[in-house]
Amino acid sequence: MPLPQRERDIQKAILHWLKLKRIFHFRANTGATSFGTGPKRRFVRFGEPGVPDIIAIRESAGIGQFVGVEVKGHDGALSLAQQNFSCRVLDAGGAYLVARWKMS
């Protein structure tokens, strides 16, 4: 099996691992889209800016802990919104991970 190098491949591998471990998780989407044409064209934003790619709940001593996983390519950097979101998660007692495939 080739090593994952693109963000979507890394994400797919993480989602597969979480499923195998039976850890509650879901893929979170944030972004925007437009639909329609002409004067009926609409622009819609969805999700909270900075939300990580994957949300999971880690169980520890019978208590659930929020875990956010942001997937980045080799040189990818967190946006300001992602940095702010990670601080909010950590301040609330959650965990925030930046996952990337790094060749050594």
N, C-alpha and C. Protein backbone atom coordinates (compact mmCIF):
# COMPACT_ATOMS: atom_id res chain seq x y z
N MET A 1 0.85 -1.18 0.00
CA MET A 1 0.00 0.00 0.00
C MET A 1 0.89 1.25 0.00
N PRO A 2 0.68 2.17 -0.94
CA PRO A 2 1.52 3.37 -0.97
C PRO A 2 1.23 4.26 0.22
N LEU A 3 2.24 5.00 0.63
CA LEU A 3 2.09 5.91 1.77
C LEU A 3 1.23 7.10 1.36
N PRO A 4 0.28 7.52 2.22
CA PRO A 4 -0.57 8.66 1.88
C PRO A 4 0.24 9.95 1.86
N GLN A 5 0.01 10.78 0.84
CA GLN A 5 0.74 12.04 0.76
C GLN A 5 -0.19 13.23 0.61
N ARG A 6 -1.37 13.02 0.05
CA ARG A 6 -2.32 14.11 -0.11
C ARG A 6 -3.20 14.19 1.13
N GLU A 7 -3.72 15.38 1.40
CA GLU A 7 -4.57 15.56 2.57
C GLU A 7 -5.72 14.58 2.59
N ARG A 8 -6.38 14.41 1.46
CA ARG A 8 -7.55 13.52 1.45
C ARG A 8 -7.17 12.08 1.73
N ASP A 9 -5.96 11.67 1.31
CA ASP A 9 -5.51 10.30 1.59
C ASP A 9 -5.19 10.13 3.08
N ILE A 10 -4.57 11.14 3.68
CA ILE A 10 -4.27 11.11 5.11
C ILE A 10 -5.58 11.07 5.89
N GLN A 11 -6.52 11.91 5.50
CA GLN A 11 -7.82 11.96 6.15
C GLN A 11 -8.53 10.61 6.06
N LYS A 12 -8.52 10.02 4.89
CA LYS A 12 -9.16 8.72 4.69
C LYS A 12 -8.54 7.67 5.61
N ALA A 13 -7.21 7.68 5.74
CA ALA A 13 -6.52 6.72 6.61
C ALA A 13 -6.90 6.93 8.08
N ILE A 14 -7.02 8.18 8.50
CA ILE A 14 -7.40 8.48 9.89
C ILE A 14 -8.84 8.03 10.14
N LEU A 15 -9.75 8.33 9.22
CA LEU A 15 -11.14 7.92 9.38
C LEU A 15 -11.25 6.40 9.44
N HIS A 16 -10.47 5.72 8.63
CA HIS A 16 -10.47 4.25 8.64
C HIS A 16 -9.98 3.74 9.99
N TRP A 17 -8.92 4.31 10.52
CA TRP A 17 -8.36 3.90 11.82
C TRP A 17 -9.39 4.12 12.94
N LEU A 18 -10.04 5.29 12.94
CA LEU A 18 -11.05 5.59 13.96
C LEU A 18 -12.20 4.58 13.90
N LYS A 19 -12.59 4.22 12.69
CA LYS A 19 -13.66 3.24 12.52
C LYS A 19 -13.23 1.88 13.06
N LEU A 20 -12.01 1.46 12.74
CA LEU A 20 -11.51 0.18 13.24
C LEU A 20 -11.46 0.15 14.76
N LYS A 21 -11.11 1.27 15.37
CA LYS A 21 -11.01 1.36 16.83
C LYS A 21 -12.36 1.62 17.49
N ARG A 22 -13.41 1.76 16.67
CA ARG A 22 -14.77 2.03 17.15
C ARG A 22 -14.83 3.29 18.02
N ILE A 23 -14.13 4.30 17.58
CA ILE A 23 -14.15 5.61 18.24
C ILE A 23 -15.18 6.47 17.52
N PHE A 24 -16.11 7.04 18.28
CA PHE A 24 -17.13 7.91 17.69
C PHE A 24 -16.44 9.08 16.99
N HIS A 25 -16.82 9.30 15.74
CA HIS A 25 -16.19 10.37 14.97
C HIS A 25 -17.07 10.74 13.78
N PHE A 26 -16.79 11.89 13.20
CA PHE A 26 -17.43 12.27 11.95
C PHE A 26 -16.56 13.29 11.23
N ARG A 27 -16.77 13.38 9.95
CA ARG A 27 -16.07 14.31 9.08
C ARG A 27 -16.85 15.62 9.10
N ALA A 28 -16.19 16.70 9.45
CA ALA A 28 -16.84 18.00 9.52
C ALA A 28 -16.47 18.81 8.27
N ASN A 29 -17.45 19.40 7.65
CA ASN A 29 -17.21 20.22 6.47
C ASN A 29 -17.53 21.68 6.78
N THR A 30 -16.69 22.55 6.31
CA THR A 30 -16.90 23.99 6.42
C THR A 30 -16.58 24.58 5.06
N GLY A 31 -17.35 25.55 4.65
CA GLY A 31 -17.06 26.17 3.36
C GLY A 31 -18.20 27.00 2.85
N ALA A 32 -18.28 27.08 1.56
CA ALA A 32 -19.32 27.88 0.92
C ALA A 32 -19.58 27.32 -0.47
N THR A 33 -20.77 27.60 -0.95
CA THR A 33 -21.12 27.19 -2.31
C THR A 33 -22.17 28.15 -2.85
N SER A 34 -22.33 28.12 -4.13
CA SER A 34 -23.40 28.92 -4.73
C SER A 34 -24.23 28.00 -5.62
N PHE A 35 -25.48 28.35 -5.77
CA PHE A 35 -26.35 27.58 -6.65
C PHE A 35 -27.36 28.52 -7.27
N GLY A 36 -27.93 28.09 -8.37
CA GLY A 36 -28.85 28.93 -9.12
C GLY A 36 -28.09 29.77 -10.13
N THR A 37 -28.85 30.52 -10.94
CA THR A 37 -28.25 31.37 -11.96
C THR A 37 -28.94 32.73 -11.96
N GLY A 38 -28.26 33.69 -12.52
CA GLY A 38 -28.82 35.03 -12.67
C GLY A 38 -29.23 35.64 -11.34
N PRO A 39 -30.37 36.34 -11.33
CA PRO A 39 -30.80 37.01 -10.10
C PRO A 39 -31.23 36.04 -9.00
N LYS A 40 -31.44 34.78 -9.37
CA LYS A 40 -31.83 33.78 -8.36
C LYS A 40 -30.62 33.05 -7.78
N ARG A 41 -29.42 33.44 -8.20
CA ARG A 41 -28.21 32.80 -7.68
C ARG A 41 -28.06 33.13 -6.20
N ARG A 42 -27.75 32.10 -5.40
CA ARG A 42 -27.59 32.25 -3.96
C ARG A 42 -26.22 31.73 -3.54
N PHE A 43 -25.64 32.41 -2.57
CA PHE A 43 -24.36 32.05 -1.99
C PHE A 43 -24.62 31.63 -0.55
N VAL A 44 -24.16 30.43 -0.18
CA VAL A 44 -24.44 29.89 1.15
C VAL A 44 -23.14 29.46 1.81
N ARG A 45 -22.94 29.91 3.04
CA ARG A 45 -21.80 29.45 3.86
C ARG A 45 -22.32 28.38 4.81
N PHE A 46 -21.48 27.39 5.11
CA PHE A 46 -21.89 26.35 6.06
C PHE A 46 -20.73 25.99 6.96
N GLY A 47 -21.07 25.58 8.18
CA GLY A 47 -20.06 25.21 9.16
C GLY A 47 -19.45 26.42 9.85
N GLU A 48 -18.79 26.16 10.93
CA GLU A 48 -18.11 27.19 11.73
C GLU A 48 -16.69 27.37 11.17
N PRO A 49 -16.27 28.61 10.87
CA PRO A 49 -14.91 28.79 10.37
C PRO A 49 -13.87 28.24 11.36
N GLY A 50 -12.92 27.51 10.84
CA GLY A 50 -11.84 26.97 11.67
C GLY A 50 -12.10 25.58 12.23
N VAL A 51 -13.32 25.04 12.03
CA VAL A 51 -13.62 23.70 12.55
C VAL A 51 -12.66 22.69 11.92
N PRO A 52 -12.12 21.77 12.73
CA PRO A 52 -11.19 20.79 12.17
C PRO A 52 -11.89 19.81 11.23
N ASP A 53 -11.10 19.14 10.42
CA ASP A 53 -11.61 18.19 9.42
C ASP A 53 -12.37 17.02 10.04
N ILE A 54 -11.88 16.55 11.18
CA ILE A 54 -12.46 15.38 11.83
C ILE A 54 -12.75 15.72 13.29
N ILE A 55 -13.95 15.35 13.73
CA ILE A 55 -14.34 15.50 15.12
C ILE A 55 -14.48 14.10 15.70
N ALA A 56 -13.90 13.87 16.87
CA ALA A 56 -14.01 12.57 17.53
C ALA A 56 -14.25 12.81 19.02
N ILE A 57 -14.77 11.79 19.68
CA ILE A 57 -14.93 11.82 21.13
C ILE A 57 -14.09 10.69 21.69
N ARG A 58 -13.12 11.07 22.49
CA ARG A 58 -12.24 10.09 23.12
C ARG A 58 -12.77 9.80 24.53
N GLU A 59 -12.90 8.53 24.84
CA GLU A 59 -13.39 8.15 26.16
C GLU A 59 -12.21 7.90 27.08
N SER A 60 -12.25 8.55 28.24
CA SER A 60 -11.19 8.38 29.22
C SER A 60 -11.83 8.36 30.60
N ALA A 61 -11.66 7.27 31.31
CA ALA A 61 -12.22 7.12 32.65
C ALA A 61 -13.73 7.39 32.66
N GLY A 62 -14.41 6.93 31.62
CA GLY A 62 -15.86 7.08 31.56
C GLY A 62 -16.35 8.46 31.15
N ILE A 63 -15.44 9.33 30.80
CA ILE A 63 -15.80 10.69 30.40
C ILE A 63 -15.38 10.92 28.96
N GLY A 64 -16.24 11.56 28.17
CA GLY A 64 -15.92 11.84 26.78
C GLY A 64 -15.15 13.15 26.66
N GLN A 65 -14.15 13.16 25.80
CA GLN A 65 -13.37 14.36 25.55
C GLN A 65 -13.41 14.68 24.06
N PHE A 66 -13.73 15.92 23.73
CA PHE A 66 -13.74 16.39 22.35
C PHE A 66 -12.32 16.33 21.80
N VAL A 67 -12.20 15.78 20.60
CA VAL A 67 -10.90 15.75 19.91
C VAL A 67 -11.12 16.29 18.49
N GLY A 68 -10.41 17.33 18.15
CA GLY A 68 -10.44 17.87 16.80
C GLY A 68 -9.16 17.48 16.08
N VAL A 69 -9.31 17.01 14.85
CA VAL A 69 -8.14 16.61 14.05
C VAL A 69 -8.17 17.41 12.75
N GLU A 70 -7.19 18.27 12.59
CA GLU A 70 -7.04 19.04 11.35
C GLU A 70 -5.96 18.36 10.52
N VAL A 71 -6.31 18.01 9.29
CA VAL A 71 -5.38 17.30 8.41
C VAL A 71 -4.72 18.31 7.47
N LYS A 72 -3.40 18.26 7.41
CA LYS A 72 -2.63 19.15 6.55
C LYS A 72 -1.64 18.34 5.73
N GLY A 73 -1.34 18.84 4.56
CA GLY A 73 -0.29 18.25 3.75
C GLY A 73 1.06 18.54 4.38
N HIS A 74 2.11 18.11 3.73
CA HIS A 74 3.47 18.24 4.28
C HIS A 74 3.79 19.66 4.74
N ASP A 75 3.46 20.66 3.93
CA ASP A 75 3.83 22.04 4.26
C ASP A 75 2.63 22.90 4.66
N GLY A 76 1.46 22.30 4.83
CA GLY A 76 0.25 23.06 5.13
C GLY A 76 0.32 23.73 6.50
N ALA A 77 -0.22 24.92 6.58
CA ALA A 77 -0.24 25.68 7.83
C ALA A 77 -1.69 25.95 8.24
N LEU A 78 -1.92 26.09 9.54
CA LEU A 78 -3.25 26.42 10.04
C LEU A 78 -3.60 27.85 9.67
N SER A 79 -4.84 28.05 9.26
CA SER A 79 -5.33 29.41 9.03
C SER A 79 -5.54 30.09 10.38
N LEU A 80 -5.75 31.38 10.37
CA LEU A 80 -6.01 32.11 11.62
C LEU A 80 -7.28 31.57 12.28
N ALA A 81 -8.31 31.29 11.50
CA ALA A 81 -9.56 30.74 12.05
C ALA A 81 -9.30 29.37 12.70
N GLN A 82 -8.46 28.55 12.10
CA GLN A 82 -8.13 27.24 12.66
C GLN A 82 -7.32 27.39 13.94
N GLN A 83 -6.40 28.34 13.96
CA GLN A 83 -5.62 28.59 15.17
C GLN A 83 -6.53 29.03 16.31
N ASN A 84 -7.46 29.94 16.02
CA ASN A 84 -8.39 30.42 17.04
C ASN A 84 -9.29 29.29 17.54
N PHE A 85 -9.78 28.47 16.62
CA PHE A 85 -10.64 27.35 17.01
C PHE A 85 -9.87 26.38 17.91
N SER A 86 -8.62 26.08 17.55
CA SER A 86 -7.83 25.16 18.36
C SER A 86 -7.63 25.70 19.77
N CYS A 87 -7.42 27.00 19.91
CA CYS A 87 -7.27 27.62 21.24
C CYS A 87 -8.56 27.48 22.05
N ARG A 88 -9.70 27.67 21.39
CA ARG A 88 -10.99 27.54 22.07
C ARG A 88 -11.20 26.10 22.55
N VAL A 89 -10.84 25.13 21.72
CA VAL A 89 -10.97 23.72 22.09
C VAL A 89 -10.08 23.41 23.29
N LEU A 90 -8.82 23.82 23.23
CA LEU A 90 -7.87 23.53 24.31
C LEU A 90 -8.29 24.22 25.61
N ASP A 91 -8.76 25.46 25.51
CA ASP A 91 -9.22 26.19 26.69
C ASP A 91 -10.41 25.51 27.36
N ALA A 92 -11.23 24.81 26.56
CA ALA A 92 -12.41 24.12 27.08
C ALA A 92 -12.10 22.70 27.57
N GLY A 93 -10.83 22.29 27.50
CA GLY A 93 -10.45 20.97 27.98
C GLY A 93 -10.43 19.88 26.92
N GLY A 94 -10.61 20.26 25.67
CA GLY A 94 -10.56 19.30 24.58
C GLY A 94 -9.14 19.09 24.10
N ALA A 95 -9.01 18.27 23.08
CA ALA A 95 -7.71 18.02 22.46
C ALA A 95 -7.81 18.44 21.00
N TYR A 96 -6.71 18.93 20.46
CA TYR A 96 -6.67 19.39 19.06
C TYR A 96 -5.37 18.89 18.46
N LEU A 97 -5.49 18.14 17.37
CA LEU A 97 -4.31 17.58 16.72
C LEU A 97 -4.20 18.09 15.28
N VAL A 98 -2.98 18.32 14.85
CA VAL A 98 -2.72 18.59 13.44
C VAL A 98 -2.03 17.34 12.92
N ALA A 99 -2.69 16.69 11.96
CA ALA A 99 -2.16 15.43 11.42
C ALA A 99 -1.60 15.67 10.03
N ARG A 100 -0.41 15.18 9.81
CA ARG A 100 0.20 15.28 8.48
C ARG A 100 1.13 14.08 8.29
N TRP A 101 1.30 13.70 7.06
CA TRP A 101 2.23 12.62 6.74
C TRP A 101 3.56 13.25 6.47
N LYS A 102 4.55 12.87 7.22
CA LYS A 102 5.87 13.47 7.06
C LYS A 102 6.86 12.37 6.74
N MET A 103 7.49 12.49 5.62
CA MET A 103 8.52 11.52 5.25
C MET A 103 9.82 11.92 5.93
N SER A 104 10.51 10.93 6.51
CA SER A 104 11.78 11.26 7.17
C SER A 104 12.95 10.71 6.39
